């Protein structure tokens, strides 16, 4: 397992969007922007049960993320790894914490009736930074 170098950890405290790459059953890649944080071991993002990301990650846990510094677009971090956990436990407070950082709102405002949130934990296997 790799770790996030100290000089790039600030990206996880900024409003830095990550672009998450997943691969479908047919081998087709998909890239989506996600809010991210880092718990000291795992890169984490949040989704909802039944969404495309949820389904793809259950079929293939290999992912890549690119996180670009919003203050310097030539500075970024690339993380390649594997989803090691997808949990509903603590997922609602997690999306609320991300909404606080990214939107300045105490609660995630886009929650849908009946939606079940999931925190996804990625174990970094390769990490590469630029800038």
C-alpha atoms as a PDB file:
ATOM      1  CA  UNK A   1       0.000   0.000   0.000  1.00  0.00           C
ATOM      2  CA  UNK A   2       1.215   3.483  -0.858  1.00  0.00           C
ATOM      3  CA  UNK A   3       0.618   6.629   1.148  1.00  0.00           C
ATOM      4  CA  UNK A   4      -0.196  10.184   0.222  1.00  0.00           C
ATOM      5  CA  UNK A   5       2.995  12.297   0.300  1.00  0.00           C
ATOM      6  CA  UNK A   6       2.919  15.106   2.849  1.00  0.00           C
ATOM      7  CA  UNK A   7       3.342  17.770   0.158  1.00  0.00           C
ATOM      8  CA  UNK A   8       0.011  16.775  -1.466  1.00  0.00           C
ATOM      9  CA  UNK A   9      -2.136  16.211   1.630  1.00  0.00           C
ATOM     10  CA  UNK A  10      -3.435  19.785   1.473  1.00  0.00           C
ATOM     11  CA  UNK A  11      -5.422  18.795  -1.622  1.00  0.00           C
ATOM     12  CA  UNK A  12      -7.713  16.848   0.705  1.00  0.00           C
ATOM     13  CA  UNK A  13      -8.537  19.959   2.732  1.00  0.00           C
ATOM     14  CA  UNK A  14      -9.274  22.245  -0.242  1.00  0.00           C
ATOM     15  CA  UNK A  15     -12.292  22.304  -2.528  1.00  0.00           C
ATOM     16  CA  UNK A  16     -10.297  20.113  -4.893  1.00  0.00           C
ATOM     17  CA  UNK A  17     -12.473  17.871  -7.024  1.00  0.00           C
ATOM     18  CA  UNK A  18     -11.172  14.436  -7.881  1.00  0.00           C
ATOM     19  CA  UNK A  19     -11.919  12.722 -11.157  1.00  0.00           C
ATOM     20  CA  UNK A  20     -12.663   9.078 -10.499  1.00  0.00           C
ATOM     21  CA  UNK A  21     -12.044   6.502 -13.232  1.00  0.00           C
ATOM     22  CA  UNK A  22     -13.906   3.194 -13.056  1.00  0.00           C
ATOM     23  CA  UNK A  23     -14.253   0.350 -15.535  1.00  0.00           C
ATOM     24  CA  UNK A  24     -17.515  -1.361 -16.464  1.00  0.00           C
ATOM     25  CA  UNK A  25     -18.130  -5.039 -17.155  1.00  0.00           C
ATOM     26  CA  UNK A  26     -17.689  -4.376 -20.871  1.00  0.00           C
ATOM     27  CA  UNK A  27     -14.272  -2.802 -20.243  1.00  0.00           C
ATOM     28  CA  UNK A  28     -15.464   0.716 -20.997  1.00  0.00           C
ATOM     29  CA  UNK A  29     -13.967   3.369 -18.715  1.00  0.00           C
ATOM     30  CA  UNK A  30     -16.047   6.054 -17.038  1.00  0.00           C
ATOM     31  CA  UNK A  31     -14.772   9.217 -15.355  1.00  0.00           C
ATOM     32  CA  UNK A  32     -16.849  11.236 -12.899  1.00  0.00           C
ATOM     33  CA  UNK A  33     -15.994  14.147 -10.607  1.00  0.00           C
ATOM     34  CA  UNK A  34     -16.290  13.376  -6.895  1.00  0.00           C
ATOM     35  CA  UNK A  35     -15.694  15.103  -3.579  1.00  0.00           C
ATOM     36  CA  UNK A  36     -12.872  13.409  -1.669  1.00  0.00           C
ATOM     37  CA  UNK A  37     -11.131  13.336   1.667  1.00  0.00           C
ATOM     38  CA  UNK A  38      -8.342  11.279   3.188  1.00  0.00           C
ATOM     39  CA  UNK A  39      -8.561   9.531   6.570  1.00  0.00           C
ATOM     40  CA  UNK A  40      -4.807   9.042   6.939  1.00  0.00           C
ATOM     41  CA  UNK A  41      -4.909   5.663   5.206  1.00  0.00           C
ATOM     42  CA  UNK A  42      -7.635   5.714   2.556  1.00  0.00           C
ATOM     43  CA  UNK A  43      -8.904   8.157  -0.019  1.00  0.00           C
ATOM     44  CA  UNK A  44     -12.656   8.367   0.578  1.00  0.00           C
ATOM     45  CA  UNK A  45     -15.611   9.515  -1.473  1.00  0.00           C
ATOM     46  CA  UNK A  46     -19.346   9.090  -1.142  1.00  0.00           C
ATOM     47  CA  UNK A  47     -22.071   7.792  -3.433  1.00  0.00           C
ATOM     48  CA  UNK A  48     -25.542   6.265  -3.164  1.00  0.00           C
ATOM     49  CA  UNK A  49     -26.632   2.646  -3.479  1.00  0.00           C
ATOM     50  CA  UNK A  50     -27.763   1.742  -6.965  1.00  0.00           C
ATOM     51  CA  UNK A  51     -25.884   4.485  -8.784  1.00  0.00           C
ATOM     52  CA  UNK A  52     -23.582   3.640 -11.687  1.00  0.00           C
ATOM     53  CA  UNK A  53     -20.449   4.121  -9.515  1.00  0.00           C
ATOM     54  CA  UNK A  54     -21.861   1.778  -6.860  1.00  0.00           C
ATOM     55  CA  UNK A  55     -22.586  -0.956  -9.400  1.00  0.00           C
ATOM     56  CA  UNK A  56     -19.271  -0.606 -11.248  1.00  0.00           C
ATOM     57  CA  UNK A  57     -17.212  -0.625  -8.051  1.00  0.00           C
ATOM     58  CA  UNK A  58     -18.905  -3.804  -6.858  1.00  0.00           C
ATOM     59  CA  UNK A  59     -17.951  -5.498 -10.139  1.00  0.00           C
ATOM     60  CA  UNK A  60     -14.437  -4.103 -10.413  1.00  0.00           C
ATOM     61  CA  UNK A  61     -12.778  -2.459  -7.384  1.00  0.00           C
ATOM     62  CA  UNK A  62      -9.806  -1.054  -9.335  1.00  0.00           C
ATOM     63  CA  UNK A  63      -9.906   2.727  -9.640  1.00  0.00           C
ATOM     64  CA  UNK A  64      -7.797   5.737 -10.499  1.00  0.00           C
ATOM     65  CA  UNK A  65      -8.293   9.267  -9.186  1.00  0.00           C
ATOM     66  CA  UNK A  66      -6.776  12.522 -10.310  1.00  0.00           C
ATOM     67  CA  UNK A  67      -7.033  15.431  -7.866  1.00  0.00           C
ATOM     68  CA  UNK A  68      -6.216  18.857  -9.274  1.00  0.00           C
ATOM     69  CA  UNK A  69      -5.204  21.786  -7.075  1.00  0.00           C
ATOM     70  CA  UNK A  70      -7.861  24.503  -7.525  1.00  0.00           C
ATOM     71  CA  UNK A  71      -5.179  27.147  -6.845  1.00  0.00           C
ATOM     72  CA  UNK A  72      -2.690  25.785  -9.380  1.00  0.00           C
ATOM     73  CA  UNK A  73      -4.087  23.619 -12.199  1.00  0.00           C
ATOM     74  CA  UNK A  74      -0.587  22.338 -13.021  1.00  0.00           C
ATOM     75  CA  UNK A  75      -0.329  20.719  -9.571  1.00  0.00           C
ATOM     76  CA  UNK A  76      -2.147  17.442  -9.142  1.00  0.00           C
ATOM     77  CA  UNK A  77      -2.063  14.062  -7.476  1.00  0.00           C
ATOM     78  CA  UNK A  78      -2.840  10.777  -9.174  1.00  0.00           C
ATOM     79  CA  UNK A  79      -3.881   7.799  -7.062  1.00  0.00           C
ATOM     80  CA  UNK A  80      -4.305   4.297  -8.425  1.00  0.00           C
ATOM     81  CA  UNK A  81      -5.738   1.733  -6.080  1.00  0.00           C
ATOM     82  CA  UNK A  82      -8.472  -0.583  -5.034  1.00  0.00           C
ATOM     83  CA  UNK A  83     -11.757  -0.124  -3.227  1.00  0.00           C
ATOM     84  CA  UNK A  84     -11.351  -1.977   0.050  1.00  0.00           C
ATOM     85  CA  UNK A  85     -14.626  -1.014   1.701  1.00  0.00           C
ATOM     86  CA  UNK A  86     -18.051   0.307   0.742  1.00  0.00           C
ATOM     87  CA  UNK A  87     -20.041   1.006   3.885  1.00  0.00           C
ATOM     88  CA  UNK A  88     -23.326   2.613   4.821  1.00  0.00           C
ATOM     89  CA  UNK A  89     -22.038   2.976   8.388  1.00  0.00           C
ATOM     90  CA  UNK A  90     -21.205   6.660   8.918  1.00  0.00           C
ATOM     91  CA  UNK A  91     -21.943   7.531   5.279  1.00  0.00           C
ATOM     92  CA  UNK A  92     -24.557  10.207   6.085  1.00  0.00           C
ATOM     93  CA  UNK A  93     -22.242  12.183   8.391  1.00  0.00           C
ATOM     94  CA  UNK A  94     -19.460  11.705   5.825  1.00  0.00           C
ATOM     95  CA  UNK A  95     -21.449  13.273   2.952  1.00  0.00           C
ATOM     96  CA  UNK A  96     -22.511  16.091   5.295  1.00  0.00           C
ATOM     97  CA  UNK A  97     -18.852  16.781   6.163  1.00  0.00           C
ATOM     98  CA  UNK A  98     -17.967  16.843   2.467  1.00  0.00           C
ATOM     99  CA  UNK A  99     -20.908  19.211   1.783  1.00  0.00           C
ATOM    100  CA  UNK A 100     -19.592  21.507   4.511  1.00  0.00           C
ATOM    101  CA  UNK A 101     -16.187  21.724   2.810  1.00  0.00           C
ATOM    102  CA  UNK A 102     -17.304  21.834  -0.813  1.00  0.00           C
ATOM    103  CA  UNK A 103     -20.553  23.827  -0.492  1.00  0.00           C
ATOM    104  CA  UNK A 104     -20.318  25.543   2.903  1.00  0.00           C
ATOM    105  CA  UNK A 105     -23.560  23.814   3.936  1.00  0.00           C
ATOM    106  CA  UNK A 106     -24.012  21.782   7.106  1.00  0.00           C
ATOM    107  CA  UNK A 107     -26.085  19.120   5.369  1.00  0.00           C
ATOM    108  CA  UNK A 108     -25.847  17.550   1.927  1.00  0.00           C
ATOM    109  CA  UNK A 109     -28.623  19.360   0.057  1.00  0.00           C
ATOM    110  CA  UNK A 110     -29.093  16.897  -2.826  1.00  0.00           C
ATOM    111  CA  UNK A 111     -30.254  13.903  -0.767  1.00  0.00           C
ATOM    112  CA  UNK A 112     -33.193  12.100  -2.399  1.00  0.00           C
ATOM    113  CA  UNK A 113     -36.062  10.393  -0.519  1.00  0.00           C
ATOM    114  CA  UNK A 114     -35.084   6.821   0.315  1.00  0.00           C
ATOM    115  CA  UNK A 115     -31.483   7.346  -0.772  1.00  0.00           C
ATOM    116  CA  UNK A 116     -28.918   5.178   1.008  1.00  0.00           C
ATOM    117  CA  UNK A 117     -25.487   6.801   1.174  1.00  0.00           C
ATOM    118  CA  UNK A 118     -22.251   4.802   0.957  1.00  0.00           C
ATOM    119  CA  UNK A 119     -18.709   5.797   1.914  1.00  0.00           C
ATOM    120  CA  UNK A 120     -16.158   4.264  -0.442  1.00  0.00           C
ATOM    121  CA  UNK A 121     -12.607   3.701   0.845  1.00  0.00           C
ATOM    122  CA  UNK A 122      -9.770   3.370  -1.642  1.00  0.00           C
ATOM    123  CA  UNK A 123      -6.448   1.871  -0.636  1.00  0.00           C
ATOM    124  CA  UNK A 124      -3.716   3.643  -2.663  1.00  0.00           C
ATOM    125  CA  UNK A 125      -1.383   1.247  -4.482  1.00  0.00           C
ATOM    126  CA  UNK A 126       0.465   3.798  -6.609  1.00  0.00           C
ATOM    127  CA  UNK A 127       0.658   7.526  -6.036  1.00  0.00           C
ATOM    128  CA  UNK A 128       2.206  10.108  -8.320  1.00  0.00           C
ATOM    129  CA  UNK A 129       2.206  13.867  -7.940  1.00  0.00           C
ATOM    130  CA  UNK A 130       3.132  16.775 -10.173  1.00  0.00           C
ATOM    131  CA  UNK A 131       3.890  20.323  -9.178  1.00  0.00           C
END
